Amino acid sequence: MKKIIIFSILIFFSTLTLFSQSLLLKISGKGIKEPSYLLGTIHVLYQDSIPVYEKAKTLLPHCKTYALEVKLENSLAMLSMVKQMTLPNNKSIQDYLSTEEYASLSKYLNEQANLPIDLVKNFQPIIIQAFIEMNTLDNKDSTEALYMDMALQSLAKKNKLKVEGLETMNEQMTSLLSIPIEEQVNALKEFIHSDSALQEDLTSSLYMKNDVALLYDYLIKQMSPTEIQKLLDERNERMFERMIPLLEEKPTLIAVGAGHLGGEKGLINLLRKKGYKVEDVVLE
């Protein structure tokens, strides 16, 4: 587990290379009167023009519903999960690290994310990593950042589309925190010793190629079997069950992390096994 971003956790597998390579797909068949669309996203991009996103924006006005992984909930819902995000038995991250590792983490937090370690030391490692990533993004020039799923949600509201979440915030958090603490600790140690900026740039570059298999081949190698099961397979099944009534009722644009599209248990394969036709949308 080298890199996990809370809002958006990704991937795709080579078993689908022959079927589809686009990050934007049309869903039809099984008696659907009007097609729906499935878009694979990454949380944030720093690009002037993103063809797959621009095409998705043109499709949105033809839909009646916009669905994303999780709708932002109120602050009280967030506060209710704080205890869930902390380490068990009143432990601190210091209990899982050597003196040198703890000092290294403290330095990294201050230099990279402008965070004092005392502010986050009681949170689970995966949450600490998410804080680092979010604060690092906030420290960049926000005028250059595109938070794709959130931008589409704003556009959907302007077009008076119904907005639906495929998961609750609590469900997504439960999936994240189901990763054993030991795995989380190892991932956090790897993360602070890696070139996260280089990884982010490479992920963005791969995304711009609009090739789910290529993106998957890079990302899947950074996940453990437990992560694949908890963060992809189980969540894919949950999101799949909730997206079916939406696309069968009204034309819907569904935006999820790109990693959820692929693999034997990914959304593309689940849709095809159910009898739907899934095909690439041509980018003009």
Protein backbone atom coordinates (compact mmCIF):
# COMPACT_ATOMS: atom_id res chain seq x y z
CA MET A 1 0.00 0.00 0.00
CA LYS A 2 2.24 2.78 -1.27
CA LYS A 3 -0.34 5.46 -2.02
CA ILE A 4 -3.94 5.80 -0.89
CA ILE A 5 -6.04 8.93 -1.36
CA ILE A 6 -9.26 8.98 0.78
CA PHE A 7 -11.75 10.45 -1.75
CA SER A 8 -10.73 8.64 -4.52
CA ILE A 9 -9.10 5.04 -4.44
CA LEU A 10 -8.39 3.70 -7.98
CA ILE A 11 -7.44 0.83 -10.42
CA PHE A 12 -7.95 -1.48 -13.46
CA PHE A 13 -6.85 -5.01 -14.51
CA SER A 14 -5.47 -6.41 -17.75
CA THR A 15 -8.25 -8.99 -18.13
CA LEU A 16 -10.33 -6.19 -19.66
CA THR A 17 -7.74 -4.87 -22.08
CA LEU A 18 -9.45 -6.53 -25.03
CA PHE A 19 -12.84 -5.09 -24.11
CA SER A 20 -12.29 -1.45 -23.34
CA GLN A 21 -9.55 1.07 -22.79
CA SER A 22 -11.43 4.33 -22.40
CA LEU A 23 -12.12 6.03 -19.08
CA LEU A 24 -15.50 7.19 -20.37
CA LEU A 25 -18.04 4.55 -21.38
CA LYS A 26 -21.63 4.33 -22.57
CA ILE A 27 -24.01 1.88 -20.89
CA SER A 28 -26.97 0.56 -22.88
CA GLY A 29 -28.97 -2.60 -23.49
CA LYS A 30 -31.32 -4.64 -21.30
CA GLY A 31 -34.26 -2.45 -22.24
CA ILE A 32 -32.67 0.88 -21.25
CA LYS A 33 -34.47 3.57 -23.26
CA GLU A 34 -31.66 6.13 -23.02
CA PRO A 35 -27.99 5.38 -22.40
CA SER A 36 -26.13 6.16 -19.20
CA TYR A 37 -22.42 6.90 -18.86
CA LEU A 38 -19.59 5.71 -16.62
CA LEU A 39 -16.56 7.93 -16.02
CA GLY A 40 -13.34 6.91 -14.29
CA THR A 41 -11.79 9.81 -12.40
CA ILE A 42 -8.79 10.63 -10.30
CA HIS A 43 -9.23 12.97 -7.38
CA VAL A 44 -7.34 15.98 -8.67
CA LEU A 45 -5.53 17.00 -11.86
CA TYR A 46 -3.40 20.00 -12.74
CA GLN A 47 -4.02 20.17 -16.48
CA ASP A 48 -5.35 22.90 -18.77
CA SER A 49 -7.48 20.50 -20.81
CA ILE A 50 -8.62 16.96 -20.03
CA PRO A 51 -10.41 15.46 -23.05
CA VAL A 52 -12.26 12.74 -21.17
CA TYR A 53 -13.55 15.28 -18.64
CA GLU A 54 -14.53 17.80 -21.31
CA LYS A 55 -16.49 15.08 -23.12
CA ALA A 56 -18.22 14.05 -19.88
CA LYS A 57 -19.33 17.65 -19.35
CA THR A 58 -21.07 17.64 -22.74
CA LEU A 59 -22.94 14.45 -21.79
CA LEU A 60 -24.12 15.69 -18.42
CA PRO A 61 -26.99 17.88 -19.74
CA HIS A 62 -28.42 14.80 -21.49
CA CYS A 63 -28.70 12.98 -18.17
CA LYS A 64 -31.22 13.27 -15.36
CA THR A 65 -29.01 12.02 -12.52
CA TYR A 66 -25.38 12.42 -11.52
CA ALA A 67 -23.94 9.74 -9.23
CA LEU A 68 -20.56 9.77 -7.54
CA GLU A 69 -18.93 7.62 -4.90
CA VAL A 70 -19.86 9.74 -1.89
CA LYS A 71 -21.84 12.94 -1.53
CA LEU A 72 -20.40 15.38 0.95
CA GLU A 73 -22.39 15.12 4.16
CA ASN A 74 -22.86 17.64 6.93
CA SER A 75 -20.19 18.44 9.51
CA LEU A 76 -22.01 16.52 12.24
CA ALA A 77 -21.69 13.34 10.17
CA MET A 78 -17.97 14.00 9.85
CA LEU A 79 -17.57 14.60 13.58
CA SER A 80 -19.36 11.35 14.37
CA MET A 81 -16.59 9.44 12.59
CA VAL A 82 -13.64 11.03 14.38
CA LYS A 83 -13.54 8.34 17.06
CA GLN A 84 -13.72 5.67 14.37
CA MET A 85 -10.62 7.15 12.72
CA THR A 86 -8.42 7.08 15.83
CA LEU A 87 -6.07 4.31 16.87
CA PRO A 88 -7.46 1.69 19.27
CA ASN A 89 -6.76 1.64 23.02
CA ASN A 90 -5.75 5.32 23.11
CA LYS A 91 -2.57 4.53 21.23
CA SER A 92 -0.47 6.98 19.25
CA ILE A 93 1.35 6.46 15.95
CA GLN A 94 4.49 6.72 18.08
CA ASP A 95 3.65 3.30 19.54
CA TYR A 96 4.10 1.74 16.10
CA LEU A 97 7.30 3.49 15.04
CA SER A 98 10.91 3.57 16.14
CA THR A 99 12.30 6.80 17.55
CA GLU A 100 13.96 7.53 14.22
CA GLU A 101 10.81 6.75 12.23
CA TYR A 102 8.69 8.96 14.45
CA ALA A 103 11.14 11.85 14.06
CA SER A 104 11.15 11.31 10.29
CA LEU A 105 7.34 11.40 10.19
CA SER A 106 7.25 14.56 12.30
CA LYS A 107 9.70 16.28 9.98
CA TYR A 108 7.79 15.16 6.90
CA LEU A 109 4.48 16.43 8.29
CA ASN A 110 5.96 19.85 9.05
CA GLU A 111 7.84 20.26 5.78
CA GLN A 112 5.41 18.74 3.29
CA ALA A 113 1.98 19.39 4.78
CA ASN A 114 2.54 22.10 7.40
CA LEU A 115 1.02 19.82 10.04
CA PRO A 116 2.28 19.43 13.64
CA ILE A 117 2.47 15.76 14.54
CA ASP A 118 0.60 16.30 17.80
CA LEU A 119 -2.46 17.23 15.74
CA VAL A 120 -2.67 13.87 13.98
CA LYS A 121 -0.66 11.37 16.03
CA ASN A 122 -3.73 9.60 17.46
CA PHE A 123 -5.30 8.91 14.07
CA GLN A 124 -4.88 5.65 12.19
CA PRO A 125 -1.97 5.71 9.71
CA ILE A 126 -4.21 5.69 6.64
CA ILE A 127 -5.92 8.83 7.95
CA ILE A 128 -2.59 10.52 8.66
CA GLN A 129 -1.56 9.80 5.08
CA ALA A 130 -4.83 11.25 3.80
CA PHE A 131 -4.28 14.41 5.88
CA ILE A 132 -0.82 14.77 4.35
CA GLU A 133 -2.15 14.37 0.82
CA MET A 134 -5.04 16.78 1.30
CA ASN A 135 -2.85 19.44 2.93
CA THR A 136 -0.24 19.06 0.19
CA LEU A 137 -2.94 19.64 -2.43
CA ASP A 138 -4.27 22.64 -0.51
CA ASN A 139 -0.80 24.17 -0.49
CA LYS A 140 -0.65 24.11 -4.30
CA ASP A 141 -2.11 26.80 -6.51
CA SER A 142 -5.82 26.04 -6.21
CA THR A 143 -6.54 27.87 -9.46
CA GLU A 144 -4.74 25.08 -11.32
CA ALA A 145 -6.44 22.19 -9.55
CA LEU A 146 -9.41 20.31 -10.95
CA TYR A 147 -11.31 18.20 -8.45
CA MET A 148 -13.15 16.31 -11.16
CA ASP A 149 -15.96 14.61 -9.24
CA MET A 150 -16.74 17.75 -7.26
CA ALA A 151 -16.66 19.95 -10.36
CA LEU A 152 -19.14 17.63 -12.08
CA GLN A 153 -21.37 17.70 -9.02
CA SER A 154 -21.48 21.51 -9.16
CA LEU A 155 -22.29 21.38 -12.85
CA ALA A 156 -24.98 18.77 -12.24
CA LYS A 157 -26.65 21.01 -9.68
CA LYS A 158 -26.57 23.93 -12.11
CA ASN A 159 -28.32 21.71 -14.65
CA LYS A 160 -30.84 20.68 -11.96
CA LEU A 161 -29.84 17.03 -12.06
CA LYS A 162 -30.53 14.77 -9.11
CA VAL A 163 -27.29 13.96 -7.28
CA GLU A 164 -26.83 10.52 -5.72
CA GLY A 165 -24.05 8.88 -3.72
CA LEU A 166 -23.21 5.23 -4.34
CA GLU A 167 -21.82 4.90 -0.81
CA THR A 168 -22.20 6.71 2.46
CA MET A 169 -19.22 8.43 4.00
CA ASN A 170 -19.37 5.97 6.88
CA GLU A 171 -19.29 2.98 4.51
CA GLN A 172 -16.26 4.32 2.67
CA MET A 173 -14.47 5.09 5.91
CA THR A 174 -15.23 1.61 7.25
CA SER A 175 -13.66 0.10 4.15
CA LEU A 176 -10.55 2.23 4.56
CA LEU A 177 -10.16 1.38 8.23
CA SER A 178 -10.63 -2.34 7.62
CA ILE A 179 -7.01 -2.46 6.45
CA PRO A 180 -4.94 -3.96 9.31
CA ILE A 181 -2.99 -1.36 11.32
CA GLU A 182 0.30 -3.08 10.56
CA GLU A 183 -0.29 -2.70 6.81
CA GLN A 184 -1.26 0.92 7.31
CA VAL A 185 1.92 1.60 9.26
CA ASN A 186 4.13 0.03 6.60
CA ALA A 187 2.36 2.00 3.90
CA LEU A 188 2.79 5.27 5.78
CA LYS A 189 6.53 4.59 6.22
CA GLU A 190 6.89 3.85 2.51
CA PHE A 191 4.91 6.95 1.63
CA ILE A 192 7.06 9.41 3.59
CA HIS A 193 10.21 7.97 2.02
CA SER A 194 8.87 8.03 -1.53
CA ASP A 195 8.77 10.85 -4.05
CA SER A 196 5.03 11.52 -3.74
CA ALA A 197 5.16 14.44 -6.17
CA LEU A 198 6.73 12.20 -8.81
CA GLN A 199 4.08 9.53 -8.18
CA GLU A 200 1.32 12.12 -8.52
CA ASP A 201 2.77 13.44 -11.78
CA LEU A 202 3.11 9.93 -13.19
CA THR A 203 -0.45 9.02 -12.22
CA SER A 204 -1.74 12.20 -13.87
CA SER A 205 0.31 11.49 -17.00
CA LEU A 206 -1.08 7.98 -17.24
CA TYR A 207 -4.61 9.26 -16.71
CA MET A 208 -4.24 11.69 -19.60
CA LYS A 209 -3.56 8.73 -21.91
CA ASN A 210 -7.21 7.64 -21.37
CA ASP A 211 -6.16 4.01 -21.05
CA VAL A 212 -7.58 2.14 -18.08
CA ALA A 213 -5.30 -0.86 -18.52
CA LEU A 214 -2.16 1.27 -18.54
CA LEU A 215 -3.29 3.15 -15.46
CA TYR A 216 -4.19 -0.09 -13.73
CA ASP A 217 -0.85 -1.74 -14.48
CA TYR A 218 0.87 1.10 -12.63
CA LEU A 219 -1.50 1.32 -9.67
CA ILE A 220 -2.31 -2.33 -8.96
CA LYS A 221 1.31 -3.07 -8.12
CA GLN A 222 1.04 -0.67 -5.19
CA MET A 223 -1.82 -2.49 -3.49
CA SER A 224 -1.82 -5.49 -1.18
CA PRO A 225 -4.31 -8.38 -1.57
CA THR A 226 -6.19 -7.02 1.46
CA GLU A 227 -6.48 -3.59 -0.14
CA ILE A 228 -7.73 -5.06 -3.40
CA GLN A 229 -10.41 -6.98 -1.54
CA LYS A 230 -11.50 -4.21 0.87
CA LEU A 231 -10.98 -1.09 -1.20
CA LEU A 232 -11.91 -2.39 -4.63
CA ASP A 233 -13.78 -5.70 -4.84
CA GLU A 234 -16.16 -5.24 -1.91
CA ARG A 235 -16.83 -1.59 -2.70
CA ASN A 236 -17.35 -2.38 -6.39
CA GLU A 237 -20.11 -4.82 -5.50
CA ARG A 238 -21.80 -2.29 -3.24
CA MET A 239 -21.62 0.53 -5.78
CA PHE A 240 -22.74 -1.77 -8.59
CA GLU A 241 -25.88 -2.79 -6.73
CA ARG A 242 -26.78 0.87 -6.17
CA MET A 243 -26.04 2.11 -9.66
CA ILE A 244 -28.28 -0.43 -11.41
CA PRO A 245 -31.61 1.12 -10.27
CA LEU A 246 -30.31 4.56 -11.27
CA LEU A 247 -29.39 3.72 -14.85
CA GLU A 248 -32.51 1.60 -15.30
CA GLU A 249 -34.70 4.50 -14.16
CA LYS A 250 -33.13 7.53 -15.88
CA PRO A 251 -30.05 8.40 -17.96
CA THR A 252 -27.27 8.84 -15.41
CA LEU A 253 -23.65 9.96 -15.45
CA ILE A 254 -21.73 7.89 -12.91
CA ALA A 255 -18.29 9.10 -11.80
CA VAL A 256 -16.09 6.82 -9.70
CA GLY A 257 -12.37 6.40 -9.15
CA ALA A 258 -10.79 4.98 -12.30
CA GLY A 259 -9.62 1.86 -10.50
CA HIS A 260 -13.19 0.75 -9.88
CA LEU A 261 -13.80 0.29 -13.61
CA GLY A 262 -11.59 -2.69 -14.25
CA GLY A 263 -10.68 -6.17 -13.21
CA GLU A 264 -12.73 -9.32 -13.03
CA LYS A 265 -14.73 -7.80 -10.17
CA GLY A 266 -14.69 -4.27 -11.57
CA LEU A 267 -17.74 -2.27 -12.63
CA ILE A 268 -17.25 -2.83 -16.38
CA ASN A 269 -17.16 -6.58 -16.00
CA LEU A 270 -20.03 -6.59 -13.50
CA LEU A 271 -22.18 -4.61 -15.94
CA ARG A 272 -21.38 -6.95 -18.83
CA LYS A 273 -22.06 -10.05 -16.76
CA LYS A 274 -25.46 -8.54 -15.91
CA GLY A 275 -26.19 -8.21 -19.64
CA TYR A 276 -25.53 -4.53 -20.27
CA LYS A 277 -23.62 -3.25 -23.27
CA VAL A 278 -20.58 -1.20 -22.27
CA GLU A 279 -18.63 0.58 -24.99
CA ASP A 280 -16.11 3.40 -25.29
CA VAL A 281 -17.29 6.95 -25.83
CA VAL A 282 -15.37 8.51 -28.70
CA LEU A 283 -13.55 11.67 -27.67
CA GLU A 284 -13.79 14.37 -30.30
